[in-house]
Amino acid sequence: MRHSILNIALAASCLFGLAGQTAMASVDASQYVELKDAVPQVVPGKIEVVELFSYGCGHCYNLEASINPWAAQLPEDVNFVKLPAMFGGIWDVYGQLYLTLATMDAKPEAHHAVFEAIHRGNRLKTPEAMAELLKGQGIEPAKFLATYNSFAVQAKVMDAKKRTAAYQATGVPSLVVDGKYRFGMTNDGAKGLFAVADQLIAQVRAAK
């Protein structure tokens, strides 16, 4: 599957089905992939839920309104992590943009502004275009550009690329629970996605 063309590849992979599912007693076996090698978690000792997403994905954009409230009510033993999918090309550009804003501890409104701009036709293909947009969110352009090109963000970009590959993701949005159970949207949309996540979280917790 190619990941280089935003309008075609990005939209198609948002709906790309996950294959190779294995059985698990409490979850429909058609709804997830169990990775052979679990990916190390960001915060050891907690049940990690990773959302693989991209600013350029329309389904990720639509999911924002429901996944953020869902993540906010997760129990204390669950750590929710947003990870930009790094498939190359524009995916990596948007991934670096997200990691820059995360490093700057930008407000949710800034992320929403990026989603809105991209899905209204402003592709934000250059750091300068990003800085111009974010100026309206109170982010000083010079500071944004310095952070975007910083060693700290470059290191996070490399880590995101490694994690994307380790999760063997084929499309977004996808969730990964406990570093090894990966799944995407179901026929029930966000409701089904969260139902699978909740079941897996409960199962992982019971096994600890």
N, C-alpha and C. Protein backbone atom coordinates (compact mmCIF):
# COMPACT_ATOMS: atom_id res chain seq x y z
N MET A 1 0.85 -1.20 0.00
CA MET A 1 0.00 0.00 0.00
C MET A 1 0.87 1.24 0.00
N ARG A 2 0.55 2.21 -0.85
CA ARG A 2 1.34 3.42 -0.92
C ARG A 2 0.81 4.45 0.05
N HIS A 3 1.72 5.21 0.64
CA HIS A 3 1.32 6.19 1.64
C HIS A 3 1.74 7.61 1.25
N SER A 4 2.04 7.84 -0.02
CA SER A 4 2.67 9.10 -0.38
C SER A 4 1.72 10.16 -0.90
N ILE A 5 0.52 9.81 -1.31
CA ILE A 5 -0.39 10.79 -1.89
C ILE A 5 -1.51 11.07 -0.92
N LEU A 6 -1.62 12.31 -0.46
CA LEU A 6 -2.57 12.65 0.61
C LEU A 6 -4.00 12.34 0.22
N ASN A 7 -4.46 12.84 -0.91
CA ASN A 7 -5.88 12.73 -1.25
C ASN A 7 -6.33 11.31 -1.50
N ILE A 8 -5.43 10.43 -1.96
CA ILE A 8 -5.81 9.07 -2.29
C ILE A 8 -5.36 8.10 -1.22
N ALA A 9 -4.06 8.03 -1.00
CA ALA A 9 -3.53 7.03 -0.07
C ALA A 9 -3.98 7.27 1.35
N LEU A 10 -3.99 8.53 1.77
CA LEU A 10 -4.34 8.84 3.15
C LEU A 10 -5.79 8.47 3.42
N ALA A 11 -6.68 8.83 2.51
CA ALA A 11 -8.10 8.51 2.71
C ALA A 11 -8.34 7.01 2.64
N ALA A 12 -7.67 6.34 1.69
CA ALA A 12 -7.88 4.91 1.54
C ALA A 12 -7.40 4.14 2.75
N SER A 13 -6.23 4.51 3.26
CA SER A 13 -5.69 3.76 4.39
C SER A 13 -6.46 4.02 5.67
N CYS A 14 -7.20 5.11 5.73
CA CYS A 14 -8.04 5.35 6.91
C CYS A 14 -9.09 4.26 7.04
N LEU A 15 -9.47 3.67 5.91
CA LEU A 15 -10.50 2.63 5.91
C LEU A 15 -9.92 1.24 5.71
N PHE A 16 -8.59 1.16 5.54
CA PHE A 16 -7.96 -0.11 5.21
C PHE A 16 -8.20 -1.13 6.30
N GLY A 17 -8.69 -2.28 5.94
CA GLY A 17 -9.01 -3.31 6.93
C GLY A 17 -7.78 -3.94 7.51
N LEU A 18 -7.86 -4.40 8.74
CA LEU A 18 -6.76 -5.09 9.39
C LEU A 18 -6.94 -6.59 9.19
N ALA A 19 -5.84 -7.24 8.83
CA ALA A 19 -5.91 -8.67 8.56
C ALA A 19 -5.06 -9.44 9.54
N GLY A 20 -5.21 -10.77 9.55
CA GLY A 20 -4.38 -11.62 10.37
C GLY A 20 -4.80 -11.69 11.80
N GLN A 21 -6.06 -11.50 12.10
CA GLN A 21 -6.52 -11.51 13.47
C GLN A 21 -6.38 -12.89 14.10
N THR A 22 -6.14 -12.89 15.41
CA THR A 22 -6.07 -14.12 16.17
C THR A 22 -7.12 -14.10 17.24
N ALA A 23 -7.46 -15.24 17.78
CA ALA A 23 -8.60 -15.34 18.68
C ALA A 23 -8.29 -14.85 20.08
N MET A 24 -9.28 -14.23 20.70
CA MET A 24 -9.20 -13.84 22.10
C MET A 24 -10.61 -14.01 22.66
N ALA A 25 -10.71 -14.62 23.80
CA ALA A 25 -12.00 -15.05 24.32
C ALA A 25 -13.02 -13.93 24.45
N SER A 26 -12.63 -12.78 24.97
CA SER A 26 -13.60 -11.75 25.30
C SER A 26 -13.81 -10.71 24.20
N VAL A 27 -13.09 -10.82 23.11
CA VAL A 27 -13.21 -9.85 22.04
C VAL A 27 -13.39 -10.59 20.72
N ASP A 28 -14.28 -10.07 19.88
CA ASP A 28 -14.51 -10.65 18.56
C ASP A 28 -13.17 -10.74 17.83
N ALA A 29 -12.81 -11.94 17.42
CA ALA A 29 -11.49 -12.16 16.82
C ALA A 29 -11.29 -11.41 15.51
N SER A 30 -12.36 -10.94 14.91
CA SER A 30 -12.22 -10.20 13.66
C SER A 30 -11.90 -8.72 13.88
N GLN A 31 -11.81 -8.32 15.15
CA GLN A 31 -11.69 -6.90 15.46
C GLN A 31 -10.28 -6.44 15.84
N TYR A 32 -9.30 -7.34 15.88
CA TYR A 32 -7.98 -6.93 16.34
C TYR A 32 -6.89 -7.81 15.74
N VAL A 33 -5.67 -7.34 15.86
CA VAL A 33 -4.46 -8.10 15.52
C VAL A 33 -3.63 -8.20 16.78
N GLU A 34 -3.20 -9.39 17.12
CA GLU A 34 -2.27 -9.55 18.24
C GLU A 34 -0.85 -9.60 17.68
N LEU A 35 -0.06 -8.61 18.02
CA LEU A 35 1.30 -8.53 17.51
C LEU A 35 2.16 -9.63 18.12
N LYS A 36 3.02 -10.19 17.31
CA LYS A 36 3.91 -11.26 17.79
C LYS A 36 4.85 -10.73 18.86
N ASP A 37 5.38 -9.54 18.64
CA ASP A 37 6.31 -8.92 19.60
C ASP A 37 5.68 -7.65 20.16
N ALA A 38 5.41 -7.65 21.45
CA ALA A 38 4.81 -6.48 22.09
C ALA A 38 5.77 -5.29 22.02
N VAL A 39 5.23 -4.12 21.78
CA VAL A 39 6.03 -2.89 21.70
C VAL A 39 6.16 -2.31 23.10
N PRO A 40 7.38 -1.97 23.54
CA PRO A 40 7.56 -1.38 24.88
C PRO A 40 6.67 -0.16 25.07
N GLN A 41 6.12 -0.02 26.28
CA GLN A 41 5.19 1.05 26.56
C GLN A 41 5.91 2.32 27.02
N VAL A 42 5.26 3.45 26.82
CA VAL A 42 5.83 4.73 27.20
C VAL A 42 5.97 4.84 28.71
N VAL A 43 4.94 4.41 29.43
CA VAL A 43 4.95 4.44 30.90
C VAL A 43 4.78 3.02 31.41
N PRO A 44 5.86 2.36 31.79
CA PRO A 44 5.78 0.99 32.30
C PRO A 44 4.88 0.91 33.54
N GLY A 45 4.18 -0.21 33.66
CA GLY A 45 3.35 -0.42 34.83
C GLY A 45 1.91 0.00 34.66
N LYS A 46 1.61 0.70 33.56
CA LYS A 46 0.23 1.09 33.27
C LYS A 46 -0.26 0.36 32.02
N ILE A 47 -1.56 0.33 31.86
CA ILE A 47 -2.15 -0.23 30.64
C ILE A 47 -2.16 0.88 29.60
N GLU A 48 -1.39 0.70 28.56
CA GLU A 48 -1.24 1.76 27.57
C GLU A 48 -2.23 1.60 26.42
N VAL A 49 -2.84 2.72 26.03
CA VAL A 49 -3.68 2.77 24.84
C VAL A 49 -3.08 3.82 23.92
N VAL A 50 -2.63 3.39 22.76
CA VAL A 50 -2.03 4.30 21.78
C VAL A 50 -3.02 4.53 20.64
N GLU A 51 -3.22 5.79 20.31
CA GLU A 51 -4.01 6.12 19.13
C GLU A 51 -3.06 6.52 18.01
N LEU A 52 -3.01 5.72 16.96
CA LEU A 52 -2.27 6.07 15.75
C LEU A 52 -3.20 6.91 14.89
N PHE A 53 -2.75 8.10 14.51
CA PHE A 53 -3.62 9.00 13.77
C PHE A 53 -2.78 9.87 12.83
N SER A 54 -3.46 10.66 12.03
CA SER A 54 -2.80 11.67 11.21
C SER A 54 -3.73 12.86 11.05
N TYR A 55 -3.16 14.05 11.07
CA TYR A 55 -3.95 15.25 10.82
C TYR A 55 -4.63 15.18 9.45
N GLY A 56 -4.01 14.48 8.50
CA GLY A 56 -4.55 14.43 7.15
C GLY A 56 -5.66 13.43 6.94
N CYS A 57 -5.96 12.63 7.94
CA CYS A 57 -6.97 11.58 7.82
C CYS A 57 -8.34 12.12 8.23
N GLY A 58 -9.30 12.06 7.31
CA GLY A 58 -10.64 12.55 7.60
C GLY A 58 -11.33 11.79 8.71
N HIS A 59 -11.08 10.49 8.79
CA HIS A 59 -11.70 9.68 9.84
C HIS A 59 -11.12 10.02 11.22
N CYS A 60 -9.83 10.33 11.25
CA CYS A 60 -9.20 10.78 12.50
C CYS A 60 -9.78 12.12 12.92
N TYR A 61 -9.98 12.98 11.96
CA TYR A 61 -10.58 14.30 12.21
C TYR A 61 -11.96 14.15 12.83
N ASN A 62 -12.77 13.26 12.25
CA ASN A 62 -14.12 13.05 12.76
C ASN A 62 -14.12 12.37 14.12
N LEU A 63 -13.09 11.57 14.39
CA LEU A 63 -13.01 10.83 15.65
C LEU A 63 -12.64 11.73 16.83
N GLU A 64 -12.00 12.86 16.56
CA GLU A 64 -11.51 13.73 17.63
C GLU A 64 -12.59 14.10 18.65
N ALA A 65 -13.78 14.37 18.17
CA ALA A 65 -14.85 14.84 19.07
C ALA A 65 -15.27 13.79 20.08
N SER A 66 -15.02 12.51 19.77
CA SER A 66 -15.43 11.44 20.69
C SER A 66 -14.26 10.78 21.40
N ILE A 67 -13.09 10.71 20.76
CA ILE A 67 -11.99 10.00 21.40
C ILE A 67 -11.38 10.80 22.55
N ASN A 68 -11.38 12.11 22.45
CA ASN A 68 -10.81 12.90 23.54
C ASN A 68 -11.62 12.79 24.83
N PRO A 69 -12.95 12.89 24.79
CA PRO A 69 -13.74 12.66 26.01
C PRO A 69 -13.61 11.24 26.53
N TRP A 70 -13.53 10.27 25.61
CA TRP A 70 -13.37 8.87 26.03
C TRP A 70 -12.05 8.69 26.76
N ALA A 71 -10.98 9.24 26.21
CA ALA A 71 -9.65 9.12 26.82
C ALA A 71 -9.61 9.81 28.18
N ALA A 72 -10.32 10.92 28.30
CA ALA A 72 -10.30 11.70 29.54
C ALA A 72 -10.92 10.94 30.71
N GLN A 73 -11.82 10.00 30.43
CA GLN A 73 -12.48 9.29 31.52
C GLN A 73 -11.87 7.91 31.80
N LEU A 74 -10.75 7.60 31.15
CA LEU A 74 -10.09 6.32 31.40
C LEU A 74 -9.57 6.27 32.84
N PRO A 75 -9.58 5.08 33.45
CA PRO A 75 -9.11 4.94 34.84
C PRO A 75 -7.64 5.33 35.01
N GLU A 76 -7.23 5.51 36.24
CA GLU A 76 -5.87 5.95 36.56
C GLU A 76 -4.80 4.96 36.11
N ASP A 77 -5.17 3.69 36.00
CA ASP A 77 -4.17 2.69 35.61
C ASP A 77 -4.00 2.58 34.10
N VAL A 78 -4.65 3.48 33.35
CA VAL A 78 -4.56 3.48 31.89
C VAL A 78 -3.88 4.76 31.42
N ASN A 79 -2.89 4.61 30.55
CA ASN A 79 -2.18 5.76 29.99
C ASN A 79 -2.51 5.88 28.50
N PHE A 80 -3.11 7.00 28.12
CA PHE A 80 -3.50 7.23 26.73
C PHE A 80 -2.43 8.04 26.02
N VAL A 81 -2.01 7.57 24.84
CA VAL A 81 -0.94 8.22 24.09
C VAL A 81 -1.40 8.44 22.65
N LYS A 82 -1.26 9.67 22.16
CA LYS A 82 -1.51 9.94 20.74
C LYS A 82 -0.18 9.84 20.01
N LEU A 83 -0.17 9.07 18.93
CA LEU A 83 1.06 8.87 18.16
C LEU A 83 0.77 9.13 16.69
N PRO A 84 1.47 10.09 16.08
CA PRO A 84 1.26 10.32 14.65
C PRO A 84 1.82 9.17 13.83
N ALA A 85 1.01 8.68 12.90
CA ALA A 85 1.46 7.59 12.03
C ALA A 85 2.48 8.12 11.04
N MET A 86 3.61 7.44 10.95
CA MET A 86 4.70 7.87 10.08
C MET A 86 4.86 6.86 8.94
N PHE A 87 4.18 7.14 7.82
CA PHE A 87 4.25 6.27 6.66
C PHE A 87 5.08 6.87 5.54
N GLY A 88 5.75 7.98 5.80
CA GLY A 88 6.55 8.64 4.78
C GLY A 88 5.81 9.81 4.15
N GLY A 89 6.54 10.67 3.47
CA GLY A 89 5.94 11.79 2.75
C GLY A 89 5.18 12.74 3.66
N ILE A 90 3.97 13.12 3.22
CA ILE A 90 3.17 14.08 3.95
C ILE A 90 2.77 13.57 5.33
N TRP A 91 2.69 12.24 5.48
CA TRP A 91 2.40 11.67 6.80
C TRP A 91 3.45 12.13 7.82
N ASP A 92 4.71 12.07 7.41
CA ASP A 92 5.80 12.46 8.31
C ASP A 92 5.80 13.96 8.58
N VAL A 93 5.42 14.74 7.57
CA VAL A 93 5.34 16.19 7.75
C VAL A 93 4.30 16.52 8.82
N TYR A 94 3.13 15.90 8.71
CA TYR A 94 2.09 16.14 9.70
C TYR A 94 2.46 15.55 11.06
N GLY A 95 3.18 14.43 11.03
CA GLY A 95 3.64 13.84 12.29
C GLY A 95 4.60 14.76 13.02
N GLN A 96 5.52 15.37 12.27
CA GLN A 96 6.46 16.30 12.89
C GLN A 96 5.74 17.54 13.41
N LEU A 97 4.71 17.96 12.70
CA LEU A 97 3.90 19.10 13.16
C LEU A 97 3.24 18.76 14.50
N TYR A 98 2.64 17.57 14.60
CA TYR A 98 2.00 17.19 15.86
C TYR A 98 3.02 17.13 16.99
N LEU A 99 4.17 16.51 16.73
CA LEU A 99 5.18 16.35 17.77
C LEU A 99 5.76 17.70 18.20
N THR A 100 5.81 18.64 17.28
CA THR A 100 6.25 19.99 17.63
C THR A 100 5.26 20.65 18.58
N LEU A 101 3.97 20.55 18.25
CA LEU A 101 2.95 21.14 19.12
C LEU A 101 2.91 20.45 20.48
N ALA A 102 3.11 19.13 20.48
CA ALA A 102 3.13 18.41 21.75
C ALA A 102 4.32 18.85 22.60
N THR A 103 5.47 19.04 21.96
CA THR A 103 6.66 19.50 22.67
C THR A 103 6.45 20.89 23.25
N MET A 104 5.70 21.70 22.54
CA MET A 104 5.42 23.06 23.00
C MET A 104 4.25 23.11 23.97
N ASP A 105 3.67 21.95 24.26
CA ASP A 105 2.52 21.87 25.16
C ASP A 105 1.39 22.79 24.68
N ALA A 106 1.14 22.72 23.38
CA ALA A 106 0.11 23.56 22.78
C ALA A 106 -1.28 23.16 23.28
N LYS A 107 -2.18 24.10 23.31
CA LYS A 107 -3.54 23.85 23.76
C LYS A 107 -4.31 23.03 22.73
N PRO A 108 -5.36 22.33 23.15
CA PRO A 108 -6.17 21.54 22.22
C PRO A 108 -6.68 22.36 21.04
N GLU A 109 -6.93 23.65 21.26
CA GLU A 109 -7.42 24.51 20.20
C GLU A 109 -6.44 24.59 19.03
N ALA A 110 -5.15 24.50 19.32
CA ALA A 110 -4.15 24.55 18.25
C ALA A 110 -4.23 23.31 17.38
N HIS A 111 -4.38 22.15 18.01
CA HIS A 111 -4.52 20.90 17.25
C HIS A 111 -5.79 20.94 16.41
N HIS A 112 -6.87 21.45 17.00
CA HIS A 112 -8.13 21.55 16.27
C HIS A 112 -7.99 22.47 15.06
N ALA A 113 -7.26 23.56 15.24
CA ALA A 113 -7.05 24.51 14.14
C ALA A 113 -6.30 23.86 12.99
N VAL A 114 -5.33 22.99 13.32
CA VAL A 114 -4.58 22.28 12.29
C VAL A 114 -5.50 21.34 11.53
N PHE A 115 -6.27 20.53 12.25
CA PHE A 115 -7.24 19.63 11.62
C PHE A 115 -8.17 20.43 10.69
N GLU A 116 -8.72 21.51 11.22
CA GLU A 116 -9.68 22.32 10.45
C GLU A 116 -9.04 22.86 9.18
N ALA A 117 -7.84 23.39 9.29
CA ALA A 117 -7.18 23.98 8.13
C ALA A 117 -6.94 22.95 7.04
N ILE A 118 -6.41 21.81 7.43
CA ILE A 118 -6.09 20.77 6.45
C ILE A 118 -7.34 20.28 5.74
N HIS A 119 -8.41 20.09 6.48
CA HIS A 119 -9.62 19.53 5.87
C HIS A 119 -10.51 20.59 5.23
N ARG A 120 -10.02 21.82 5.24
CA ARG A 120 -10.67 22.88 4.47
C ARG A 120 -9.80 23.32 3.30
N GLY A 121 -8.74 22.54 3.04
CA GLY A 121 -7.95 22.78 1.84
C GLY A 121 -6.58 23.39 2.02
N ASN A 122 -6.25 23.84 3.24
CA ASN A 122 -4.91 24.38 3.49
C ASN A 122 -4.02 23.22 3.94
N ARG A 123 -3.23 22.68 3.03
CA ARG A 123 -2.50 21.44 3.29
C ARG A 123 -1.33 21.58 4.25
N LEU A 124 -0.90 22.80 4.55
CA LEU A 124 0.19 23.01 5.51
C LEU A 124 1.40 22.14 5.18
N LYS A 125 1.89 22.25 3.97
CA LYS A 125 2.98 21.39 3.53
C LYS A 125 4.35 21.87 3.96
N THR A 126 4.44 23.11 4.44
CA THR A 126 5.74 23.65 4.85
C THR A 126 5.68 24.16 6.28
N PRO A 127 6.81 24.17 6.98
CA PRO A 127 6.84 24.72 8.34
C PRO A 127 6.38 26.17 8.38
N GLU A 128 6.70 26.93 7.33
CA GLU A 128 6.32 28.34 7.29
C GLU A 128 4.79 28.49 7.23
N ALA A 129 4.14 27.63 6.45
CA ALA A 129 2.67 27.67 6.38
C ALA A 129 2.06 27.29 7.72
N MET A 130 2.67 26.33 8.38
CA MET A 130 2.20 25.92 9.71
C MET A 130 2.33 27.07 10.70
N ALA A 131 3.49 27.72 10.68
CA ALA A 131 3.74 28.82 11.60
C ALA A 131 2.76 29.97 11.39
N GLU A 132 2.44 30.24 10.14
CA GLU A 132 1.49 31.31 9.82
C GLU A 132 0.11 31.00 10.38
N LEU A 133 -0.33 29.76 10.22
CA LEU A 133 -1.62 29.35 10.77
C LEU A 133 -1.63 29.45 12.29
N LEU A 134 -0.60 28.93 12.90
CA LEU A 134 -0.56 28.83 14.36
C LEU A 134 -0.34 30.17 15.05
N LYS A 135 0.07 31.16 14.28
CA LYS A 135 0.18 32.52 14.82
C LYS A 135 -1.18 32.96 15.35
N GLY A 136 -2.24 32.50 14.69
CA GLY A 136 -3.59 32.83 15.13
C GLY A 136 -3.99 32.12 16.40
N GLN A 137 -3.18 31.16 16.84
CA GLN A 137 -3.43 30.44 18.09
C GLN A 137 -2.51 30.92 19.21
N GLY A 138 -1.86 32.05 18.96
CA GLY A 138 -0.98 32.63 19.97
C GLY A 138 0.40 32.00 20.04
N ILE A 139 0.77 31.24 19.00
CA ILE A 139 2.08 30.60 18.96
C ILE A 139 3.02 31.46 18.12
N GLU A 140 4.10 31.90 18.73
CA GLU A 140 5.05 32.80 18.05
C GLU A 140 5.78 32.03 16.95
N PRO A 141 5.73 32.51 15.69
CA PRO A 141 6.30 31.78 14.56
C PRO A 141 7.76 31.37 14.73
N ALA A 142 8.61 32.27 15.22
CA ALA A 142 10.03 31.94 15.37
C ALA A 142 10.22 30.80 16.37
N LYS A 143 9.46 30.83 17.44
CA LYS A 143 9.55 29.76 18.44
C LYS A 143 9.06 28.44 17.87
N PHE A 144 7.98 28.49 17.10
CA PHE A 144 7.47 27.27 16.47
C PHE A 144 8.52 26.68 15.53
N LEU A 145 9.09 27.51 14.67
CA LEU A 145 10.06 27.02 13.69
C LEU A 145 11.31 26.46 14.37
N ALA A 146 11.75 27.11 15.43
CA ALA A 146 12.92 26.62 16.17
C ALA A 146 12.63 25.27 16.80
N THR A 147 11.43 25.11 17.34
CA THR A 147 11.06 23.84 17.95
C THR A 147 10.89 22.76 16.89
N TYR A 148 10.27 23.11 15.78
CA TYR A 148 10.04 22.16 14.68
C TYR A 148 11.35 21.56 14.19
N ASN A 149 12.39 22.37 14.15
CA ASN A 149 13.69 21.92 13.64
C ASN A 149 14.66 21.49 14.75
N SER A 150 14.17 21.42 15.97
CA SER A 150 15.04 21.11 17.10
C SER A 150 15.44 19.64 17.16
N PHE A 151 16.52 19.38 17.85
CA PHE A 151 16.99 18.00 18.05
C PHE A 151 15.94 17.20 18.81
N ALA A 152 15.30 17.82 19.78
CA ALA A 152 14.30 17.11 20.60
C ALA A 152 13.16 16.59 19.74
N VAL A 153 12.67 17.42 18.83
CA VAL A 153 11.57 16.99 17.96
C VAL A 153 12.06 15.96 16.95
N GLN A 154 13.26 16.13 16.43
CA GLN A 154 13.81 15.14 15.49
C GLN A 154 13.92 13.77 16.15
N ALA A 155 14.31 13.76 17.42
CA ALA A 155 14.41 12.49 18.14
C ALA A 155 13.03 11.85 18.30
N LYS A 156 12.02 12.68 18.56
CA LYS A 156 10.66 12.16 18.70
C LYS A 156 10.13 11.65 17.36
N VAL A 157 10.52 12.30 16.28
CA VAL A 157 10.13 11.84 14.94
C VAL A 157 10.70 10.46 14.68
N MET A 158 11.96 10.26 14.99
CA MET A 158 12.59 8.95 14.79
C MET A 158 11.91 7.88 15.63
N ASP A 159 11.57 8.23 16.87
CA ASP A 159 10.89 7.27 17.75
C ASP A 159 9.51 6.94 17.20
N ALA A 160 8.79 7.94 16.70
CA ALA A 160 7.46 7.71 16.14
C ALA A 160 7.52 6.81 14.91
N LYS A 161 8.56 6.98 14.10
CA LYS A 161 8.74 6.12 12.93
C LYS A 161 8.97 4.67 13.36
N LYS A 162 9.80 4.49 14.37
CA LYS A 162 10.08 3.14 14.86
C LYS A 162 8.84 2.50 15.45
N ARG A 163 8.07 3.28 16.21
CA ARG A 163 6.87 2.74 16.83
C ARG A 163 5.79 2.42 15.79
N THR A 164 5.66 3.28 14.79
CA THR A 164 4.69 3.01 13.72
C THR A 164 5.02 1.69 13.04
N ALA A 165 6.30 1.48 12.74
CA ALA A 165 6.72 0.24 12.10
C ALA A 165 6.50 -0.95 13.01
N ALA A 166 6.80 -0.79 14.29
CA ALA A 166 6.66 -1.89 15.24
C ALA A 166 5.20 -2.30 15.42
N TYR A 167 4.29 -1.33 15.32
CA TYR A 167 2.87 -1.65 15.46
C TYR A 167 2.30 -2.30 14.19
N GLN A 168 3.09 -2.28 13.11
CA GLN A 168 2.68 -2.90 11.85
C GLN A 168 1.34 -2.35 11.38
N ALA A 169 1.13 -1.09 11.61
CA ALA A 169 -0.14 -0.46 11.24
C ALA A 169 -0.23 -0.31 9.72
N THR A 170 -1.42 -0.51 9.20
CA THR A 170 -1.67 -0.35 7.77
C THR A 170 -2.59 0.83 7.47
N GLY A 171 -3.13 1.43 8.49
CA GLY A 171 -4.03 2.56 8.29
C GLY A 171 -4.38 3.22 9.60
N VAL A 172 -5.05 4.35 9.49
CA VAL A 172 -5.48 5.09 10.67
C VAL A 172 -6.94 5.51 10.48
N PRO A 173 -7.65 5.73 11.59
CA PRO A 173 -7.21 5.62 12.98
C PRO A 173 -7.11 4.17 13.44
N SER A 174 -6.12 3.89 14.27
CA SER A 174 -5.95 2.58 14.89
C SER A 174 -5.62 2.79 16.36
N LEU A 175 -6.04 1.84 17.18
CA LEU A 175 -5.67 1.84 18.59
C LEU A 175 -4.82 0.62 18.87
N VAL A 176 -3.90 0.77 19.82
CA VAL A 176 -3.08 -0.36 20.28
C VAL A 176 -3.17 -0.40 21.79
N VAL A 177 -3.60 -1.54 22.32
CA VAL A 177 -3.73 -1.71 23.77
C VAL A 177 -2.62 -2.61 24.29
N ASP A 178 -1.95 -2.15 25.33
CA ASP A 178 -0.90 -2.93 26.01
C ASP A 178 0.26 -3.28 25.08
N GLY A 179 0.48 -2.47 24.07
CA GLY A 179 1.61 -2.68 23.18
C GLY A 179 1.49 -3.84 22.23
N LYS A 180 0.34 -4.54 22.22
CA LYS A 180 0.26 -5.73 21.38
C LYS A 180 -1.07 -6.00 20.71
N TYR A 181 -2.14 -5.35 21.14
CA TYR A 181 -3.44 -5.59 20.52
C TYR A 181 -3.83 -4.38 19.68
N ARG A 182 -3.77 -4.54 18.36
CA ARG A 182 -4.03 -3.43 17.45
C ARG A 182 -5.35 -3.65 16.71
N PHE A 183 -6.12 -2.57 16.59
CA PHE A 183 -7.41 -2.69 15.92
C PHE A 183 -7.84 -1.33 15.39
N GLY A 184 -8.78 -1.35 14.47
CA GLY A 184 -9.26 -0.12 13.87
C GLY A 184 -10.76 0.03 14.04
N MET A 185 -11.33 0.89 13.23
CA MET A 185 -12.76 1.16 13.31
C MET A 185 -13.57 -0.09 12.96
N THR A 186 -14.70 -0.24 13.63
CA THR A 186 -15.61 -1.35 13.35
C THR A 186 -16.82 -0.81 12.59
N ASN A 187 -17.74 -1.71 12.26
CA ASN A 187 -18.96 -1.28 11.58
C ASN A 187 -19.81 -0.36 12.45
N ASP A 188 -19.54 -0.38 13.76
CA ASP A 188 -20.26 0.48 14.69
C ASP A 188 -19.56 1.81 14.92
N GLY A 189 -18.54 2.10 14.10
CA GLY A 189 -17.85 3.38 14.20
C GLY A 189 -17.10 3.55 15.50
N ALA A 190 -17.10 4.77 16.01
CA ALA A 190 -16.36 5.08 17.24
C ALA A 190 -16.87 4.27 18.42
N LYS A 191 -18.17 4.06 18.48
CA LYS A 191 -18.75 3.28 19.58
C LYS A 191 -18.15 1.89 19.62
N GLY A 192 -18.03 1.25 18.46
CA GLY A 192 -17.44 -0.08 18.39
C GLY A 192 -15.96 -0.07 18.71
N LEU A 193 -15.26 0.97 18.26
CA LEU A 193 -13.83 1.10 18.54
C LEU A 193 -13.58 1.15 20.04
N PHE A 194 -14.36 1.97 20.73
CA PHE A 194 -14.18 2.12 22.17
C PHE A 194 -14.62 0.87 22.92
N ALA A 195 -15.62 0.17 22.40
CA ALA A 195 -16.08 -1.06 23.05
C ALA A 195 -14.98 -2.12 23.03
N VAL A 196 -14.30 -2.26 21.88
CA VAL A 196 -13.19 -3.20 21.78
C VAL A 196 -12.07 -2.78 22.72
N ALA A 197 -11.76 -1.50 22.75
CA ALA A 197 -10.71 -1.00 23.63
C ALA A 197 -11.04 -1.27 25.09
N ASP A 198 -12.26 -0.99 25.49
CA ASP A 198 -12.66 -1.21 26.89
C ASP A 198 -12.55 -2.68 27.27
N GLN A 199 -12.94 -3.57 26.36
CA GLN A 199 -12.86 -5.01 26.64
C GLN A 199 -11.41 -5.45 26.80
N LEU A 200 -10.55 -4.95 25.92
CA LEU A 200 -9.14 -5.34 25.99
C LEU A 200 -8.48 -4.76 27.24
N ILE A 201 -8.81 -3.55 27.59
CA ILE A 201 -8.27 -2.95 28.82
C ILE A 201 -8.65 -3.79 30.02
N ALA A 202 -9.92 -4.19 30.08
CA ALA A 202 -10.39 -5.01 31.20
C ALA A 202 -9.69 -6.35 31.24
N GLN A 203 -9.46 -6.93 30.07
CA GLN A 203 -8.81 -8.24 30.02
C GLN A 203 -7.34 -8.15 30.45
N VAL A 204 -6.65 -7.10 29.99
CA VAL A 204 -5.25 -6.91 30.37
C VAL A 204 -5.16 -6.68 31.87
N ARG A 205 -6.07 -5.88 32.40
CA ARG A 205 -6.07 -5.60 33.84
C ARG A 205 -6.29 -6.88 34.64
N ALA A 206 -7.19 -7.72 34.20
CA ALA A 206 -7.49 -8.96 34.91
C ALA A 206 -6.32 -9.93 34.89
N ALA A 207 -5.49 -9.83 33.84
CA ALA A 207 -4.36 -10.74 33.70
C ALA A 207 -3.14 -10.31 34.49
N LYS A 208 -3.14 -9.08 34.99
CA LYS A 208 -1.97 -8.58 35.73
C LYS A 208 -1.90 -9.15 37.14
